[in-house]
Amino acid sequence: METVDLTEPKNSEVLSFKEMIDVLCEFFEVVVHSILFVRDLYPKAVFERRRKYNLPVMMSRSPELNEYIVEVVASLRPWLEKSLIERFGVVIADKLGEPLERFMIECAPARATGPRAATLADIEAGLRGCLLRLNAADALFEPNPPGCQFSIVAYTRGQQEAAQSVSWLAAADSEITSSVPSIRPLKSLDVGSLRLQLYVEESSIKQKRPETSPDDDPEAKDADLGPDDNEIVEDDEENEGLLG
């Protein structure tokens, strides 16, 4: 999946800061697709197998959904270049909009130079480890109820002006924060100028419901592929983040 028209650096080359942002944006896209597949937000037939970071990954075949994900991630680039993104992720909510799971990537402020120079091979090895843990996460959590929806969220460091190409909305905590969540760290990455932490919050509300698989409800298989109203951004000025 291409998000920018650039000549890709060779595996042995040290990445520039701009190239690092390119890699990070592409990783965000892959993560969103992986979450939607792993947590059954859409029918399995919507996805197809691709390879990224020398690893099989599942990517959507829906042009509308793919365009939506690309546009949302692209709108974050100006903030990423200024190290203003604190967290990025996907919130899965039930039919009533109650958050059930939050798959989050916490981003420490990017460093101009890391403890040692990082090549593309170094970065991809780390991102591959993150995706392996993400793909295995399905076994760690209870199934979600039928008819779930998702939102893509971003936390910024301080109040930021939203990108004009995407209608980001400020969100209240109750709209995207899980109820008494249990937190499961999945993977940390610290290589070159890139420092990430991948974790999942699972709401306690799920523990009060009978286990139900999306496969049990035909309505879940007919979910609308339209991405309308799935964009939320929350500004968090006080929390410096786990890696900050």
C-alpha atoms as a PDB file:
ATOM      1  CA  MET A   1       0.000   0.000   0.000  1.00  0.00           C
ATOM      2  CA  GLU A   2       1.494   3.306  -1.102  1.00  0.00           C
ATOM      3  CA  THR A   3       0.740   6.494   0.789  1.00  0.00           C
ATOM      4  CA  VAL A   4       3.371   8.736  -0.794  1.00  0.00           C
ATOM      5  CA  ASP A   5       5.114   8.856  -4.139  1.00  0.00           C
ATOM      6  CA  LEU A   6       8.706   8.469  -3.060  1.00  0.00           C
ATOM      7  CA  THR A   7      11.671   6.328  -3.954  1.00  0.00           C
ATOM      8  CA  GLU A   8      11.845   3.959  -1.021  1.00  0.00           C
ATOM      9  CA  PRO A   9      15.151   3.888   0.855  1.00  0.00           C
ATOM     10  CA  LYS A  10      17.190   0.713   0.748  1.00  0.00           C
ATOM     11  CA  ASN A  11      17.159  -1.543   3.793  1.00  0.00           C
ATOM     12  CA  SER A  12      20.741  -0.657   4.669  1.00  0.00           C
ATOM     13  CA  GLU A  13      20.236   3.109   4.425  1.00  0.00           C
ATOM     14  CA  VAL A  14      19.774   5.274   7.505  1.00  0.00           C
ATOM     15  CA  LEU A  15      16.369   6.945   7.386  1.00  0.00           C
ATOM     16  CA  SER A  16      16.001  10.699   7.397  1.00  0.00           C
ATOM     17  CA  PHE A  17      13.391  12.236   9.691  1.00  0.00           C
ATOM     18  CA  LYS A  18      11.033  12.776   6.737  1.00  0.00           C
ATOM     19  CA  GLU A  19      11.435   9.167   5.638  1.00  0.00           C
ATOM     20  CA  MET A  20      10.723   8.077   9.220  1.00  0.00           C
ATOM     21  CA  ILE A  21       7.405   9.958   9.114  1.00  0.00           C
ATOM     22  CA  ASP A  22       6.592   8.231   5.810  1.00  0.00           C
ATOM     23  CA  VAL A  23       7.196   4.843   7.414  1.00  0.00           C
ATOM     24  CA  LEU A  24       5.155   5.771  10.486  1.00  0.00           C
ATOM     25  CA  CYS A  25       2.158   6.915   8.411  1.00  0.00           C
ATOM     26  CA  GLU A  26       2.233   3.709   6.423  1.00  0.00           C
ATOM     27  CA  PHE A  27       2.431   1.710   9.659  1.00  0.00           C
ATOM     28  CA  PHE A  28      -0.631   3.527  11.027  1.00  0.00           C
ATOM     29  CA  GLU A  29      -2.563   2.507   7.926  1.00  0.00           C
ATOM     30  CA  VAL A  30      -1.548  -1.144   8.252  1.00  0.00           C
ATOM     31  CA  VAL A  31      -2.484  -1.130  11.945  1.00  0.00           C
ATOM     32  CA  VAL A  32      -5.990   0.175  11.264  1.00  0.00           C
ATOM     33  CA  HIS A  33      -6.613  -2.490   8.615  1.00  0.00           C
ATOM     34  CA  SER A  34      -5.258  -5.190  10.940  1.00  0.00           C
ATOM     35  CA  ILE A  35      -7.495  -4.127  13.842  1.00  0.00           C
ATOM     36  CA  LEU A  36     -10.609  -4.079  11.657  1.00  0.00           C
ATOM     37  CA  PHE A  37      -9.787  -7.596  10.479  1.00  0.00           C
ATOM     38  CA  VAL A  38      -8.720  -9.114  13.784  1.00  0.00           C
ATOM     39  CA  ARG A  39     -11.713  -7.770  15.716  1.00  0.00           C
ATOM     40  CA  ASP A  40     -14.292  -8.653  13.028  1.00  0.00           C
ATOM     41  CA  LEU A  41     -15.527  -5.151  12.286  1.00  0.00           C
ATOM     42  CA  TYR A  42     -16.206  -6.223   8.686  1.00  0.00           C
ATOM     43  CA  PRO A  43     -16.757  -9.586   7.002  1.00  0.00           C
ATOM     44  CA  LYS A  44     -13.579 -11.563   6.361  1.00  0.00           C
ATOM     45  CA  ALA A  45     -14.376 -11.490   2.636  1.00  0.00           C
ATOM     46  CA  VAL A  46     -13.736  -7.724   2.625  1.00  0.00           C
ATOM     47  CA  PHE A  47     -10.022  -8.364   3.261  1.00  0.00           C
ATOM     48  CA  GLU A  48      -7.212  -9.858   1.228  1.00  0.00           C
ATOM     49  CA  ARG A  49      -3.726 -11.034   2.130  1.00  0.00           C
ATOM     50  CA  ARG A  50      -0.808  -8.702   1.394  1.00  0.00           C
ATOM     51  CA  ARG A  51       2.817  -8.568   2.556  1.00  0.00           C
ATOM     52  CA  LYS A  52       4.322  -5.761   4.566  1.00  0.00           C
ATOM     53  CA  TYR A  53       7.537  -5.713   6.575  1.00  0.00           C
ATOM     54  CA  ASN A  54       8.140  -9.233   5.211  1.00  0.00           C
ATOM     55  CA  LEU A  55       4.989 -10.358   7.016  1.00  0.00           C
ATOM     56  CA  PRO A  56       1.531 -11.433   5.756  1.00  0.00           C
ATOM     57  CA  VAL A  57      -1.063  -8.787   6.640  1.00  0.00           C
ATOM     58  CA  MET A  58      -4.769  -8.485   5.915  1.00  0.00           C
ATOM     59  CA  MET A  59      -5.865  -5.355   4.068  1.00  0.00           C
ATOM     60  CA  SER A  60      -9.312  -4.148   3.070  1.00  0.00           C
ATOM     61  CA  ARG A  61     -10.420  -4.466  -0.541  1.00  0.00           C
ATOM     62  CA  SER A  62     -13.101  -1.779  -0.173  1.00  0.00           C
ATOM     63  CA  PRO A  63     -12.034   1.334  -2.152  1.00  0.00           C
ATOM     64  CA  GLU A  64     -14.205   3.583   0.015  1.00  0.00           C
ATOM     65  CA  LEU A  65     -12.828   2.265   3.292  1.00  0.00           C
ATOM     66  CA  ASN A  66      -9.250   2.312   1.985  1.00  0.00           C
ATOM     67  CA  GLU A  67      -9.570   5.916   0.818  1.00  0.00           C
ATOM     68  CA  TYR A  68     -10.968   6.920   4.185  1.00  0.00           C
ATOM     69  CA  ILE A  69      -8.061   5.364   6.094  1.00  0.00           C
ATOM     70  CA  VAL A  70      -5.483   6.910   3.756  1.00  0.00           C
ATOM     71  CA  GLU A  71      -7.018  10.384   4.072  1.00  0.00           C
ATOM     72  CA  VAL A  72      -7.254  10.216   7.855  1.00  0.00           C
ATOM     73  CA  VAL A  73      -3.624   9.147   8.281  1.00  0.00           C
ATOM     74  CA  ALA A  74      -2.403  11.670   5.693  1.00  0.00           C
ATOM     75  CA  SER A  75      -4.137  14.450   7.657  1.00  0.00           C
ATOM     76  CA  LEU A  76      -1.941  13.600  10.654  1.00  0.00           C
ATOM     77  CA  ARG A  77       1.324  14.138   8.772  1.00  0.00           C
ATOM     78  CA  PRO A  78       1.735  17.866   9.605  1.00  0.00           C
ATOM     79  CA  TRP A  79       1.247  17.068  13.305  1.00  0.00           C
ATOM     80  CA  LEU A  80       3.613  14.093  13.166  1.00  0.00           C
ATOM     81  CA  GLU A  81       6.305  16.230  11.534  1.00  0.00           C
ATOM     82  CA  LYS A  82       6.065  18.601  14.521  1.00  0.00           C
ATOM     83  CA  SER A  83       5.910  15.755  17.077  1.00  0.00           C
ATOM     84  CA  LEU A  84       2.421  16.872  18.128  1.00  0.00           C
ATOM     85  CA  ILE A  85       0.736  13.463  18.024  1.00  0.00           C
ATOM     86  CA  GLU A  86       0.700  11.873  21.459  1.00  0.00           C
ATOM     87  CA  ARG A  87      -1.508   8.865  20.721  1.00  0.00           C
ATOM     88  CA  PHE A  88      -3.193   7.358  17.699  1.00  0.00           C
ATOM     89  CA  GLY A  89      -5.598   4.470  17.616  1.00  0.00           C
ATOM     90  CA  VAL A  90      -8.902   2.784  16.951  1.00  0.00           C
ATOM     91  CA  VAL A  91     -11.846   2.762  19.364  1.00  0.00           C
ATOM     92  CA  ILE A  92     -14.352  -0.060  18.987  1.00  0.00           C
ATOM     93  CA  ALA A  93     -17.818   0.702  20.372  1.00  0.00           C
ATOM     94  CA  ASP A  94     -21.090  -1.190  20.597  1.00  0.00           C
ATOM     95  CA  LYS A  95     -24.316  -0.293  18.775  1.00  0.00           C
ATOM     96  CA  LEU A  96     -25.111   2.349  21.392  1.00  0.00           C
ATOM     97  CA  GLY A  97     -21.688   3.978  21.044  1.00  0.00           C
ATOM     98  CA  GLU A  98     -20.312   2.620  24.327  1.00  0.00           C
ATOM     99  CA  PRO A  99     -16.523   2.115  23.959  1.00  0.00           C
ATOM    100  CA  LEU A 100     -15.500  -1.514  24.419  1.00  0.00           C
ATOM    101  CA  GLU A 101     -11.879  -1.610  23.245  1.00  0.00           C
ATOM    102  CA  ARG A 102      -9.201   0.978  22.509  1.00  0.00           C
ATOM    103  CA  PHE A 103      -6.220  -0.125  20.428  1.00  0.00           C
ATOM    104  CA  MET A 104      -3.678   2.644  20.965  1.00  0.00           C
ATOM    105  CA  ILE A 105      -0.200   3.551  19.707  1.00  0.00           C
ATOM    106  CA  GLU A 106       1.544   5.951  22.042  1.00  0.00           C
ATOM    107  CA  CYS A 107       4.129   8.127  20.316  1.00  0.00           C
ATOM    108  CA  ALA A 108       6.948   9.748  22.242  1.00  0.00           C
ATOM    109  CA  PRO A 109       8.221  13.046  20.792  1.00  0.00           C
ATOM    110  CA  ALA A 110      10.406  12.154  17.839  1.00  0.00           C
ATOM    111  CA  ARG A 111      14.130  12.643  18.283  1.00  0.00           C
ATOM    112  CA  ALA A 112      16.207  14.218  15.560  1.00  0.00           C
ATOM    113  CA  THR A 113      18.772  11.485  16.248  1.00  0.00           C
ATOM    114  CA  GLY A 114      18.461   8.350  18.320  1.00  0.00           C
ATOM    115  CA  PRO A 115      21.028   6.520  20.472  1.00  0.00           C
ATOM    116  CA  ARG A 116      22.211   4.998  17.210  1.00  0.00           C
ATOM    117  CA  ALA A 117      21.327   5.471  13.573  1.00  0.00           C
ATOM    118  CA  ALA A 118      18.415   3.310  12.427  1.00  0.00           C
ATOM    119  CA  THR A 119      18.191   1.746   8.993  1.00  0.00           C
ATOM    120  CA  LEU A 120      14.992   0.806   7.205  1.00  0.00           C
ATOM    121  CA  ALA A 121      15.712  -2.828   8.115  1.00  0.00           C
ATOM    122  CA  ASP A 122      15.942  -1.883  11.810  1.00  0.00           C
ATOM    123  CA  ILE A 123      12.644  -0.002  11.721  1.00  0.00           C
ATOM    124  CA  GLU A 124      10.796  -2.682   9.774  1.00  0.00           C
ATOM    125  CA  ALA A 125      12.006  -5.393  12.156  1.00  0.00           C
ATOM    126  CA  GLY A 126      10.527  -3.441  15.065  1.00  0.00           C
ATOM    127  CA  LEU A 127       7.250  -2.743  13.263  1.00  0.00           C
ATOM    128  CA  ARG A 128       7.025  -6.393  12.266  1.00  0.00           C
ATOM    129  CA  GLY A 129       7.190  -7.338  15.942  1.00  0.00           C
ATOM    130  CA  CYS A 130       4.359  -4.900  16.707  1.00  0.00           C
ATOM    131  CA  LEU A 131       2.138  -6.381  14.004  1.00  0.00           C
ATOM    132  CA  LEU A 132       2.825  -9.935  15.172  1.00  0.00           C
ATOM    133  CA  ARG A 133       1.630  -9.033  18.658  1.00  0.00           C
ATOM    134  CA  LEU A 134      -1.376  -7.194  17.268  1.00  0.00           C
ATOM    135  CA  ASN A 135      -2.395 -10.126  15.086  1.00  0.00           C
ATOM    136  CA  ALA A 136      -2.195 -12.419  18.113  1.00  0.00           C
ATOM    137  CA  ALA A 137      -4.270 -10.069  20.281  1.00  0.00           C
ATOM    138  CA  ASP A 138      -7.557 -11.621  19.230  1.00  0.00           C
ATOM    139  CA  ALA A 139      -6.859 -14.569  21.532  1.00  0.00           C
ATOM    140  CA  LEU A 140      -6.409 -12.231  24.510  1.00  0.00           C
ATOM    141  CA  PHE A 141      -9.855 -10.629  24.456  1.00  0.00           C
ATOM    142  CA  GLU A 142     -13.478 -11.653  24.696  1.00  0.00           C
ATOM    143  CA  PRO A 143     -15.500 -11.441  21.472  1.00  0.00           C
ATOM    144  CA  ASN A 144     -17.316  -8.188  20.867  1.00  0.00           C
ATOM    145  CA  PRO A 145     -21.112  -8.087  20.475  1.00  0.00           C
ATOM    146  CA  PRO A 146     -22.641  -7.918  16.983  1.00  0.00           C
ATOM    147  CA  GLY A 147     -22.984  -4.609  15.169  1.00  0.00           C
ATOM    148  CA  CYS A 148     -19.940  -2.840  16.575  1.00  0.00           C
ATOM    149  CA  GLN A 149     -18.634   0.393  15.047  1.00  0.00           C
ATOM    150  CA  PHE A 150     -15.227   2.028  15.096  1.00  0.00           C
ATOM    151  CA  SER A 151     -13.675   5.473  15.351  1.00  0.00           C
ATOM    152  CA  ILE A 152     -10.144   6.554  14.492  1.00  0.00           C
ATOM    153  CA  VAL A 153      -8.810   8.810  17.241  1.00  0.00           C
ATOM    154  CA  ALA A 154      -5.777  10.997  17.772  1.00  0.00           C
ATOM    155  CA  TYR A 155      -4.587  12.829  20.863  1.00  0.00           C
ATOM    156  CA  THR A 156      -2.494  15.932  20.253  1.00  0.00           C
ATOM    157  CA  ARG A 157      -0.075  17.748  22.513  1.00  0.00           C
ATOM    158  CA  GLY A 158      -2.011  20.943  23.112  1.00  0.00           C
ATOM    159  CA  GLN A 159      -4.811  22.514  21.075  1.00  0.00           C
ATOM    160  CA  GLN A 160      -4.185  22.063  17.361  1.00  0.00           C
ATOM    161  CA  GLU A 161      -5.988  23.264  14.257  1.00  0.00           C
ATOM    162  CA  ALA A 162      -7.556  20.330  12.433  1.00  0.00           C
ATOM    163  CA  ALA A 163      -6.433  19.468   8.915  1.00  0.00           C
ATOM    164  CA  GLN A 164      -8.746  20.940   6.297  1.00  0.00           C
ATOM    165  CA  SER A 165      -9.006  17.702   4.291  1.00  0.00           C
ATOM    166  CA  VAL A 166     -10.507  15.706   7.161  1.00  0.00           C
ATOM    167  CA  SER A 167     -13.346  16.678   9.519  1.00  0.00           C
ATOM    168  CA  TRP A 168     -11.737  15.889  12.865  1.00  0.00           C
ATOM    169  CA  LEU A 169     -14.049  16.435  15.826  1.00  0.00           C
ATOM    170  CA  ALA A 170     -13.152  17.171  19.435  1.00  0.00           C
ATOM    171  CA  ALA A 171     -14.451  14.322  21.594  1.00  0.00           C
ATOM    172  CA  ALA A 172     -15.524  14.020  25.209  1.00  0.00           C
ATOM    173  CA  ASP A 173     -13.858  11.368  27.371  1.00  0.00           C
ATOM    174  CA  SER A 174     -17.129   9.445  27.619  1.00  0.00           C
ATOM    175  CA  GLU A 175     -17.238   9.031  23.839  1.00  0.00           C
ATOM    176  CA  ILE A 176     -13.880   7.307  23.460  1.00  0.00           C
ATOM    177  CA  THR A 177     -12.762   6.225  26.943  1.00  0.00           C
ATOM    178  CA  SER A 178     -13.482   2.701  28.122  1.00  0.00           C
ATOM    179  CA  SER A 179     -15.328   2.098  31.388  1.00  0.00           C
ATOM    180  CA  VAL A 180     -12.852   0.939  34.096  1.00  0.00           C
ATOM    181  CA  PRO A 181     -10.543  -0.555  31.463  1.00  0.00           C
ATOM    182  CA  SER A 182      -8.056  -3.354  31.866  1.00  0.00           C
ATOM    183  CA  ILE A 183      -4.862  -2.384  30.057  1.00  0.00           C
ATOM    184  CA  ARG A 184      -2.763  -4.907  28.153  1.00  0.00           C
ATOM    185  CA  PRO A 185       0.610  -3.713  26.853  1.00  0.00           C
ATOM    186  CA  LEU A 186       1.384  -5.464  23.587  1.00  0.00           C
ATOM    187  CA  LYS A 187       4.725  -4.137  22.367  1.00  0.00           C
ATOM    188  CA  SER A 188       7.224  -1.328  22.888  1.00  0.00           C
ATOM    189  CA  LEU A 189       9.561  -0.065  20.181  1.00  0.00           C
ATOM    190  CA  ASP A 190      12.597   2.165  20.633  1.00  0.00           C
ATOM    191  CA  VAL A 191      14.810   2.330  17.571  1.00  0.00           C
ATOM    192  CA  GLY A 192      16.549   5.351  16.110  1.00  0.00           C
ATOM    193  CA  SER A 193      14.306   8.388  16.445  1.00  0.00           C
ATOM    194  CA  LEU A 194      11.163   6.238  16.694  1.00  0.00           C
ATOM    195  CA  ARG A 195       9.633   5.397  20.082  1.00  0.00           C
ATOM    196  CA  LEU A 196       6.238   3.708  20.206  1.00  0.00           C
ATOM    197  CA  GLN A 197       4.159   1.725  22.657  1.00  0.00           C
ATOM    198  CA  LEU A 198       1.252  -0.434  21.515  1.00  0.00           C
ATOM    199  CA  TYR A 199      -1.405  -1.339  24.069  1.00  0.00           C
ATOM    200  CA  VAL A 200      -5.099  -2.197  24.343  1.00  0.00           C
ATOM    201  CA  GLU A 201      -7.733  -1.073  26.830  1.00  0.00           C
ATOM    202  CA  GLU A 202     -10.679  -3.436  27.291  1.00  0.00           C
ATOM    203  CA  SER A 203     -13.793  -2.098  28.987  1.00  0.00           C
ATOM    204  CA  SER A 204     -15.197  -3.799  32.067  1.00  0.00           C
ATOM    205  CA  ILE A 205     -18.623  -3.591  30.407  1.00  0.00           C
ATOM    206  CA  LYS A 206     -17.705  -6.559  28.213  1.00  0.00           C
ATOM    207  CA  GLN A 207     -17.262  -8.761  31.274  1.00  0.00           C
ATOM    208  CA  LYS A 208     -20.935  -8.266  32.159  1.00  0.00           C
ATOM    209  CA  ARG A 209     -22.224  -9.517  28.819  1.00  0.00           C
ATOM    210  CA  PRO A 210     -22.553 -13.069  27.483  1.00  0.00           C
ATOM    211  CA  GLU A 211     -19.909 -14.014  24.965  1.00  0.00           C
ATOM    212  CA  THR A 212     -21.189 -13.324  21.454  1.00  0.00           C
ATOM    213  CA  SER A 213     -19.365 -13.645  18.192  1.00  0.00           C
ATOM    214  CA  PRO A 214     -20.094 -11.440  15.175  1.00  0.00           C
ATOM    215  CA  ASP A 215     -20.479 -14.692  13.247  1.00  0.00           C
ATOM    216  CA  ASP A 216     -23.682 -15.335  15.222  1.00  0.00           C
ATOM    217  CA  ASP A 217     -25.450 -12.265  13.851  1.00  0.00           C
ATOM    218  CA  PRO A 218     -26.048 -11.805  10.099  1.00  0.00           C
ATOM    219  CA  GLU A 219     -26.415  -8.052  10.660  1.00  0.00           C
ATOM    220  CA  ALA A 220     -22.767  -7.878  11.653  1.00  0.00           C
ATOM    221  CA  LYS A 221     -21.833  -9.320   8.280  1.00  0.00           C
ATOM    222  CA  ASP A 222     -23.802  -6.634   6.462  1.00  0.00           C
ATOM    223  CA  ALA A 223     -22.116  -3.728   8.184  1.00  0.00           C
ATOM    224  CA  ASP A 224     -22.014  -0.527   6.154  1.00  0.00           C
ATOM    225  CA  LEU A 225     -18.540   0.031   4.739  1.00  0.00           C
ATOM    226  CA  GLY A 226     -19.039   3.789   4.731  1.00  0.00           C
ATOM    227  CA  PRO A 227     -16.591   5.654   6.996  1.00  0.00           C
ATOM    228  CA  ASP A 228     -18.840   8.628   7.789  1.00  0.00           C
ATOM    229  CA  ASP A 229     -18.550  10.091  11.288  1.00  0.00           C
ATOM    230  CA  ASN A 230     -15.689   7.790  12.270  1.00  0.00           C
ATOM    231  CA  GLU A 231     -13.154  10.545  12.901  1.00  0.00           C
ATOM    232  CA  ILE A 232     -12.569  11.889  16.389  1.00  0.00           C
ATOM    233  CA  VAL A 233      -9.674  13.814  17.826  1.00  0.00           C
ATOM    234  CA  GLU A 234      -9.166  14.719  21.448  1.00  0.00           C
ATOM    235  CA  ASP A 235      -6.673  17.278  22.718  1.00  0.00           C
ATOM    236  CA  ASP A 236      -4.871  16.215  25.871  1.00  0.00           C
ATOM    237  CA  GLU A 237      -2.657  18.983  27.230  1.00  0.00           C
ATOM    238  CA  GLU A 238      -1.830  17.544  30.645  1.00  0.00           C
ATOM    239  CA  ASN A 239      -0.992  13.907  30.001  1.00  0.00           C
ATOM    240  CA  GLU A 240       2.562  13.627  28.688  1.00  0.00           C
ATOM    241  CA  GLY A 241       2.093   9.936  27.916  1.00  0.00           C
ATOM    242  CA  LEU A 242       3.652   6.711  29.110  1.00  0.00           C
ATOM    243  CA  LEU A 243       6.779   7.237  27.051  1.00  0.00           C
ATOM    244  CA  GLY A 244       7.096  10.977  27.532  1.00  0.00           C
END
